[in-house]
Protein backbone atom coordinates (compact mmCIF):
# COMPACT_ATOMS: atom_id res chain seq x y z
CA MET A 1 33.50 11.61 5.09
CA PRO A 2 32.18 13.83 7.90
CA ILE A 3 28.72 13.33 9.34
CA TYR A 4 26.62 16.45 8.77
CA PRO A 5 23.52 17.38 10.83
CA LEU A 6 21.17 16.97 7.86
CA GLY A 7 18.13 16.13 9.98
CA THR A 8 18.58 19.30 12.02
CA ILE A 9 18.89 21.44 8.88
CA MET A 10 15.92 19.77 7.18
CA GLY A 11 13.79 20.40 10.27
CA LEU A 12 14.98 23.99 10.41
CA VAL A 13 14.25 24.60 6.72
CA GLU A 14 10.82 23.01 6.89
CA SER A 15 9.91 25.07 9.96
CA VAL A 16 10.29 28.28 7.97
CA SER A 17 7.59 29.63 5.71
CA THR A 18 7.16 32.93 3.98
CA GLY A 19 3.56 33.72 3.30
CA THR A 20 1.73 30.44 2.80
CA VAL A 21 4.63 28.56 1.22
CA PRO A 22 6.82 26.44 3.51
CA MET A 23 10.45 25.90 2.52
CA LYS A 24 11.47 22.37 1.62
CA VAL A 25 14.67 20.47 1.00
CA SER A 26 14.52 18.70 -2.35
CA TYR A 27 17.81 16.77 -2.23
CA ALA A 28 21.05 16.48 -0.29
CA TYR A 29 24.38 15.28 -1.65
CA GLU A 30 27.57 15.20 0.39
CA ASP A 31 27.86 18.71 1.90
CA ILE A 32 25.22 20.38 -0.31
CA VAL A 33 21.52 20.76 0.54
CA PHE A 34 19.35 21.67 -2.43
CA MET A 35 16.20 23.65 -1.77
CA GLU A 36 12.92 23.14 -3.60
CA HIS A 37 12.64 25.74 -6.40
CA ASN A 38 16.47 26.02 -6.44
CA ALA A 39 16.71 29.75 -5.57
CA PHE A 40 19.54 29.01 -3.15
CA LEU A 41 21.34 26.08 -1.60
CA LEU A 42 23.01 25.40 1.72
CA GLN A 43 26.50 24.01 2.20
CA PHE A 44 27.80 22.42 5.38
CA THR A 45 31.18 23.54 6.67
CA ALA A 46 33.68 21.81 8.96
CA LYS A 47 31.75 23.26 11.93
CA ALA A 48 28.29 21.79 12.55
CA ASP A 49 26.88 25.17 13.63
CA LYS A 50 28.11 27.07 10.55
CA ILE A 51 26.32 26.82 7.18
CA LEU A 52 27.01 28.68 3.93
CA LEU A 53 24.14 29.94 1.78
CA HIS A 54 24.79 30.26 -1.97
CA LYS A 55 22.28 32.06 -4.21
CA ASN A 56 21.42 30.80 -7.67
CA ILE A 57 22.60 33.30 -10.28
CA GLU A 58 19.18 33.01 -11.94
CA ALA A 59 17.26 33.79 -8.75
CA ASP A 60 15.57 37.14 -8.27
CA ILE A 61 17.37 38.36 -5.14
CA ASP A 62 14.48 40.65 -4.17
CA GLU A 63 12.08 37.70 -4.28
CA ILE A 64 14.19 35.47 -2.03
CA LYS A 65 15.50 37.99 0.51
CA ASP A 66 12.57 37.47 2.92
CA SER A 67 12.98 33.69 2.78
CA ILE A 68 16.70 33.99 3.47
CA ALA A 69 16.12 36.40 6.36
CA ALA A 70 13.51 34.05 7.89
CA LEU A 71 15.84 31.07 7.53
CA LYS A 72 18.76 32.95 9.11
CA SER A 73 16.56 34.05 12.00
CA ALA A 74 15.26 30.53 12.64
CA ALA A 75 18.82 29.19 12.46
CA ALA A 76 20.07 31.79 14.96
CA ASP A 77 17.35 30.63 17.39
CA LYS A 78 18.98 27.18 17.23
CA GLU A 79 22.50 28.66 17.56
CA ILE A 80 23.33 27.93 13.92
CA THR A 81 24.96 30.63 11.81
CA ILE A 82 24.06 30.89 8.14
CA SER A 83 26.61 33.01 6.28
CA GLU A 84 26.57 34.34 2.74
CA GLY A 85 28.62 32.00 0.58
CA GLY A 86 28.28 33.57 -2.84
CA PHE A 87 26.51 32.47 -6.01
CA TYR A 88 26.23 29.34 -8.12
CA SER A 89 25.02 28.15 -11.49
CA ILE A 90 23.53 24.74 -12.15
CA THR A 91 23.37 23.01 -15.52
CA GLN A 92 22.52 19.53 -16.76
CA GLY A 93 25.53 17.22 -17.04
CA ASP A 94 25.76 13.79 -18.65
CA ALA A 95 23.01 11.28 -17.91
CA ALA A 96 21.63 11.92 -14.40
CA ASN A 97 24.43 14.30 -13.35
CA ILE A 98 24.36 18.04 -12.81
CA ASN A 99 27.14 20.58 -12.96
CA LEU A 100 27.52 23.15 -10.18
CA LYS A 101 29.82 26.12 -10.55
CA PHE A 102 30.40 28.46 -7.62
CA PHE A 103 31.24 32.18 -7.77
CA LYS A 104 32.39 34.41 -4.92
CA LYS A 105 30.35 37.33 -6.18
CA HIS A 106 28.01 38.30 -8.98
CA THR A 107 30.49 38.98 -11.81
CA ALA A 108 30.86 39.14 -15.55
CA ASP A 109 32.39 35.62 -15.38
CA MET A 110 28.95 34.15 -14.79
CA PRO A 111 26.82 32.78 -17.57
CA GLU A 112 24.10 35.15 -18.71
CA LYS A 113 20.87 35.02 -16.74
CA LYS A 114 18.10 33.18 -18.62
CA ASP A 115 14.73 34.89 -18.91
């Protein structure tokens, strides 16, 4: 299993705030970094300086665009590229597991957005 620069990414994320709310990492598993409030997640790639950003299909894109822009800017300052990865849905699995499903774009194949 590759070694990912999790400490660097956590420091980067926590250095960014929009308004009075700082961003925080809530959990990391393998190549996925879950953000607090789950509006988007980050995914490591084979290159340490390239990260994918996936948006939660239930997130309000207008509400998170400033946070994403601030994160991308802070990453660029550290010579890390954050690229758009697509969308994802997250549901409860068995016991303590979750199910993640990734989508390349916002499509009719996605589950309906919950209000």
